[in-house]
Amino acid sequence: QEQEQQEEENAPNRAPRLTDPCRGVRCGAGRICSVNHEENKAECICIPECPVELDPRRKVCTNLNETWDSACEVHRQRCLCNTNDPLCRGESVRHVHIDYYGYCKQMLECSESDLADFPRRMRDWLFNVMHDLASRNELPEPYLELEHEAETNMTKRWTNAAIWKWCDLDGHPHDNTVSRHELFPIRAPLMALEHCISPFLESCDPNGDHRISLQEWGKCLGLEEDDLTARCAEINKTDESERNDIEAAV
């Protein structure tokens, strides 16, 4: 830093260093940061064009039961409609969202017996995912203690996995509830594979307030409420501190 300051003093006629107005700007889904050169300001605009996707795995099924080429196309259209752009396909697209990944298909009916057995399979799946992420060194640092406890203490195998996923889903802002929007990362990948995922998640919100508390999450997974401890505040604090350290270093 002292060297840079010395260089600036030794070169008084050098043009001032330009900074990118878009640096550090985060735009929502379907938007991209663009520089308004007249005012030299950053602004978020709708993505002009989505890349052509040839991989069928990139297809998405929307709540309109339509197969779209990619998630980018869905988010771009929502942006165009919400900004009243002439390229908006119509009013029905204004609230379009991704239901699940892959081509739209006829869903099997979730029987009572299938739904009754689903919490058991969901508990196992959550633990296996947490374990696999840890073994590949892809589990964020704050959750490693939960995974280690689950590995060494069988009584915490399912509860810790449930706490991990619930904390993981409780995005910004961390309000100790999981909204329907925040359920997307767990719902969309499983919809095409698990025909009971939607009824199961509905059962996790018995009061219909569109938010799932940790107690509701544990209950629909068949776990004892006394075994669940809200450790998200501690985890999120650590995660936020690490994120700030990374941003400060960039």
Protein backbone atom coordinates (compact mmCIF):
# COMPACT_ATOMS: atom_id res chain seq x y z
CA GLN A 1 0.00 0.00 0.00
CA GLU A 2 2.87 2.40 0.83
CA GLN A 3 4.49 1.51 -2.49
CA GLU A 4 1.29 2.33 -4.39
CA GLN A 5 1.02 5.65 -2.55
CA GLN A 6 4.64 6.48 -3.44
CA GLU A 7 3.99 5.65 -7.09
CA GLU A 8 0.97 7.96 -7.12
CA GLU A 9 3.05 10.79 -5.67
CA ASN A 10 5.77 10.22 -8.27
CA ALA A 11 3.27 10.33 -11.13
CA PRO A 12 1.02 13.35 -10.54
CA ASN A 13 -0.10 13.51 -14.18
CA ARG A 14 -1.25 9.90 -14.28
CA ALA A 15 -4.96 9.46 -14.97
CA PRO A 16 -6.95 8.49 -11.87
CA ARG A 17 -7.58 4.79 -11.48
CA LEU A 18 -11.11 3.92 -12.61
CA THR A 19 -13.24 1.61 -10.53
CA ASP A 20 -15.91 -0.67 -11.91
CA PRO A 21 -19.30 0.59 -10.64
CA CYS A 22 -20.64 -2.96 -10.89
CA ARG A 23 -18.03 -4.35 -8.55
CA GLY A 24 -19.77 -5.75 -5.50
CA VAL A 25 -23.26 -5.15 -6.93
CA ARG A 26 -25.54 -8.15 -6.62
CA CYS A 27 -28.54 -8.31 -8.91
CA GLY A 28 -31.50 -10.60 -8.47
CA ALA A 29 -32.29 -13.67 -10.56
CA GLY A 30 -32.82 -12.82 -14.22
CA ARG A 31 -30.89 -9.57 -13.93
CA ILE A 32 -27.34 -8.49 -14.64
CA CYS A 33 -25.38 -5.42 -13.61
CA SER A 34 -24.85 -2.84 -16.34
CA VAL A 35 -23.00 0.49 -16.21
CA ASN A 36 -24.89 3.64 -17.10
CA HIS A 37 -21.96 5.40 -18.76
CA GLU A 38 -23.67 8.81 -18.80
CA GLU A 39 -23.88 8.86 -15.01
CA ASN A 40 -21.17 6.24 -14.39
CA LYS A 41 -23.59 4.34 -12.17
CA ALA A 42 -24.39 0.67 -11.84
CA GLU A 43 -27.91 -0.54 -12.51
CA CYS A 44 -29.51 -3.97 -12.65
CA ILE A 45 -31.18 -4.75 -15.96
CA CYS A 46 -32.90 -7.84 -17.33
CA ILE A 47 -30.49 -10.33 -18.88
CA PRO A 48 -30.45 -9.46 -22.61
CA GLU A 49 -30.13 -13.07 -23.73
CA CYS A 50 -29.81 -16.45 -22.06
CA PRO A 51 -27.24 -18.95 -23.32
CA VAL A 52 -28.60 -21.73 -25.52
CA GLU A 53 -28.89 -24.91 -23.45
CA LEU A 54 -28.68 -28.24 -25.28
CA ASP A 55 -28.43 -30.43 -22.19
CA PRO A 56 -31.93 -31.82 -21.38
CA ARG A 57 -31.01 -31.71 -17.70
CA ARG A 58 -31.12 -27.91 -17.93
CA LYS A 59 -34.83 -27.98 -18.77
CA VAL A 60 -37.22 -26.79 -16.07
CA CYS A 61 -40.92 -27.32 -15.48
CA THR A 62 -42.81 -24.22 -14.34
CA ASN A 63 -45.92 -23.76 -12.23
CA LEU A 64 -47.75 -23.29 -15.54
CA ASN A 65 -46.87 -26.92 -16.33
CA GLU A 66 -44.73 -25.75 -19.25
CA THR A 67 -41.22 -26.98 -20.03
CA TRP A 68 -38.76 -24.12 -20.47
CA ASP A 69 -35.24 -24.35 -21.87
CA SER A 70 -33.51 -23.18 -18.70
CA ALA A 71 -33.91 -21.48 -15.34
CA CYS A 72 -32.32 -18.40 -16.91
CA GLU A 73 -35.23 -18.10 -19.36
CA VAL A 74 -37.78 -18.24 -16.53
CA HIS A 75 -36.03 -15.60 -14.43
CA ARG A 76 -35.44 -13.39 -17.48
CA GLN A 77 -39.11 -13.48 -18.45
CA ARG A 78 -40.19 -12.59 -14.92
CA CYS A 79 -37.83 -9.63 -15.01
CA LEU A 80 -39.14 -8.49 -18.40
CA CYS A 81 -42.75 -8.70 -17.22
CA ASN A 82 -42.07 -6.99 -13.90
CA THR A 83 -40.41 -4.09 -15.73
CA ASN A 84 -43.25 -3.90 -18.31
CA ASP A 85 -40.86 -4.68 -21.13
CA PRO A 86 -42.55 -5.31 -24.52
CA LEU A 87 -40.67 -8.64 -24.70
CA CYS A 88 -42.80 -9.99 -21.83
CA ARG A 89 -44.78 -12.98 -23.13
CA GLY A 90 -47.94 -12.05 -21.27
CA GLU A 91 -49.56 -11.43 -17.90
CA SER A 92 -49.57 -15.15 -17.02
CA VAL A 93 -45.77 -15.13 -17.05
CA ARG A 94 -45.48 -12.29 -14.52
CA HIS A 95 -45.56 -14.74 -11.60
CA VAL A 96 -44.07 -17.78 -13.33
CA HIS A 97 -41.64 -19.80 -11.25
CA ILE A 98 -39.75 -23.08 -11.47
CA ASP A 99 -41.66 -26.02 -10.07
CA TYR A 100 -38.95 -28.61 -10.60
CA TYR A 101 -35.99 -29.48 -12.81
CA GLY A 102 -36.37 -31.51 -15.99
CA TYR A 103 -39.19 -31.90 -18.49
CA CYS A 104 -42.75 -31.56 -17.20
CA LYS A 105 -44.33 -34.94 -16.63
CA GLN A 106 -47.41 -36.54 -15.17
CA MET A 107 -46.91 -36.94 -11.44
CA LEU A 108 -47.92 -40.09 -9.63
CA GLU A 109 -50.42 -39.72 -6.81
CA CYS A 110 -48.92 -39.88 -3.34
CA SER A 111 -50.81 -42.58 -1.45
CA GLU A 112 -51.41 -42.44 2.31
CA SER A 113 -48.96 -45.28 2.88
CA ASP A 114 -46.29 -43.59 0.74
CA LEU A 115 -46.75 -40.31 2.61
CA ALA A 116 -46.61 -42.08 5.98
CA ASP A 117 -43.28 -43.67 5.04
CA PHE A 118 -41.82 -40.53 3.49
CA PRO A 119 -40.45 -38.91 6.70
CA ARG A 120 -38.27 -41.98 7.34
CA ARG A 121 -36.80 -41.86 3.86
CA MET A 122 -36.40 -38.09 4.09
CA ARG A 123 -34.45 -38.38 7.36
CA ASP A 124 -32.08 -40.92 5.82
CA TRP A 125 -31.67 -38.81 2.69
CA LEU A 126 -30.82 -35.67 4.67
CA PHE A 127 -28.16 -37.49 6.69
CA ASN A 128 -26.66 -39.12 3.59
CA VAL A 129 -26.45 -35.78 1.78
CA MET A 130 -24.82 -34.10 4.78
CA HIS A 131 -22.37 -37.01 5.12
CA ASP A 132 -21.49 -36.98 1.40
CA LEU A 133 -20.88 -33.23 1.41
CA ALA A 134 -18.59 -33.58 4.42
CA SER A 135 -16.65 -36.45 2.84
CA ARG A 136 -16.07 -34.32 -0.28
CA ASN A 137 -15.05 -31.31 1.83
CA GLU A 138 -18.04 -29.39 0.46
CA LEU A 139 -19.94 -28.96 3.72
CA PRO A 140 -19.54 -25.37 5.01
CA GLU A 141 -17.34 -25.12 8.08
CA PRO A 142 -20.11 -24.13 10.53
CA TYR A 143 -21.95 -27.41 9.85
CA LEU A 144 -19.01 -29.77 10.29
CA GLU A 145 -19.56 -30.09 14.03
CA LEU A 146 -23.16 -31.16 13.41
CA GLU A 147 -22.00 -33.79 10.92
CA HIS A 148 -19.29 -35.09 13.25
CA GLU A 149 -21.79 -35.44 16.10
CA ALA A 150 -24.17 -37.29 13.80
CA GLU A 151 -21.39 -39.69 12.81
CA THR A 152 -20.28 -40.45 16.36
CA ASN A 153 -23.63 -40.35 18.19
CA MET A 154 -26.44 -42.36 16.64
CA THR A 155 -29.04 -40.53 18.74
CA LYS A 156 -28.13 -37.32 16.88
CA ARG A 157 -27.95 -38.89 13.42
CA TRP A 158 -31.35 -37.68 12.22
CA THR A 159 -31.82 -34.61 14.43
CA ASN A 160 -28.51 -33.03 13.42
CA ALA A 161 -29.22 -33.68 9.76
CA ALA A 162 -32.63 -32.04 10.18
CA ILE A 163 -31.10 -29.02 11.96
CA TRP A 164 -28.42 -28.70 9.26
CA LYS A 165 -30.90 -28.60 6.40
CA TRP A 166 -33.32 -26.28 8.20
CA CYS A 167 -30.52 -23.80 9.01
CA ASP A 168 -29.23 -24.15 5.46
CA LEU A 169 -32.66 -23.33 4.02
CA ASP A 170 -33.18 -20.33 6.32
CA GLY A 171 -31.53 -17.86 3.98
CA HIS A 172 -31.13 -14.10 4.15
CA PRO A 173 -32.54 -12.66 6.25
CA HIS A 174 -32.05 -15.31 8.94
CA ASP A 175 -35.45 -15.09 10.63
CA ASN A 176 -35.65 -18.57 12.21
CA THR A 177 -38.33 -19.69 9.77
CA VAL A 178 -38.20 -21.28 6.34
CA SER A 179 -40.50 -19.68 3.78
CA ARG A 180 -42.02 -21.44 0.79
CA HIS A 181 -39.56 -19.60 -1.41
CA GLU A 182 -36.67 -20.86 0.70
CA LEU A 183 -37.92 -24.44 0.26
CA PHE A 184 -37.09 -24.30 -3.45
CA PRO A 185 -33.55 -25.79 -3.15
CA ILE A 186 -34.96 -28.93 -1.55
CA ARG A 187 -38.25 -29.15 -3.44
CA ALA A 188 -37.22 -28.55 -7.06
CA PRO A 189 -34.52 -31.25 -7.33
CA LEU A 190 -36.78 -33.91 -5.76
CA MET A 191 -40.10 -33.19 -7.49
CA ALA A 192 -39.36 -35.34 -10.53
CA LEU A 193 -38.01 -38.18 -8.35
CA GLU A 194 -40.24 -38.12 -5.27
CA HIS A 195 -43.96 -37.79 -5.92
CA CYS A 196 -44.64 -37.24 -2.20
CA ILE A 197 -42.31 -34.27 -1.69
CA SER A 198 -45.03 -31.63 -2.19
CA PRO A 199 -47.61 -33.21 0.16
CA PHE A 200 -44.84 -33.79 2.68
CA LEU A 201 -43.73 -30.16 2.67
CA GLU A 202 -47.37 -29.08 2.93
CA SER A 203 -47.66 -31.20 6.07
CA CYS A 204 -44.75 -29.27 7.58
CA ASP A 205 -46.88 -26.12 7.64
CA PRO A 206 -49.98 -27.21 9.59
CA ASN A 207 -51.06 -23.66 10.50
CA GLY A 208 -50.81 -22.51 6.87
CA ASP A 209 -48.74 -19.38 7.55
CA HIS A 210 -46.39 -20.24 4.65
CA ARG A 211 -43.47 -20.51 7.06
CA ILE A 212 -41.93 -23.57 8.69
CA SER A 213 -40.45 -23.31 12.17
CA LEU A 214 -37.78 -25.69 13.43
CA GLN A 215 -40.39 -27.39 15.62
CA GLU A 216 -42.73 -27.88 12.64
CA TRP A 217 -39.82 -29.19 10.56
CA GLY A 218 -38.88 -31.70 13.23
CA LYS A 219 -42.46 -32.82 13.79
CA CYS A 220 -43.15 -33.58 10.13
CA LEU A 221 -39.88 -35.55 10.05
CA GLY A 222 -41.10 -37.60 13.00
CA LEU A 223 -38.50 -36.27 15.45
CA GLU A 224 -38.97 -35.47 19.12
CA GLU A 225 -39.21 -31.74 19.75
CA ASP A 226 -36.98 -32.00 22.83
CA ASP A 227 -34.15 -33.31 20.63
CA LEU A 228 -34.16 -30.23 18.41
CA THR A 229 -32.02 -27.28 19.38
CA ALA A 230 -31.99 -24.06 17.39
CA ARG A 231 -28.28 -23.73 16.66
CA CYS A 232 -28.75 -21.61 13.56
CA ALA A 233 -27.92 -18.31 15.23
CA GLU A 234 -24.48 -19.60 16.19
CA ILE A 235 -23.96 -21.21 12.79
CA ASN A 236 -25.12 -18.18 10.80
CA LYS A 237 -22.96 -15.86 12.92
CA THR A 238 -19.89 -17.95 12.10
CA ASP A 239 -20.88 -18.18 8.44
CA GLU A 240 -21.45 -14.40 8.21
CA SER A 241 -18.09 -13.69 9.86
CA GLU A 242 -16.30 -15.95 7.38
CA ARG A 243 -18.12 -14.33 4.46
CA ASN A 244 -17.12 -10.85 5.63
CA ASP A 245 -13.50 -11.97 5.97
CA ILE A 246 -13.55 -13.28 2.40
CA GLU A 247 -15.13 -10.11 1.01
CA ALA A 248 -12.61 -7.97 2.89
CA ALA A 249 -9.75 -9.94 1.37
CA VAL A 250 -11.03 -9.55 -2.19
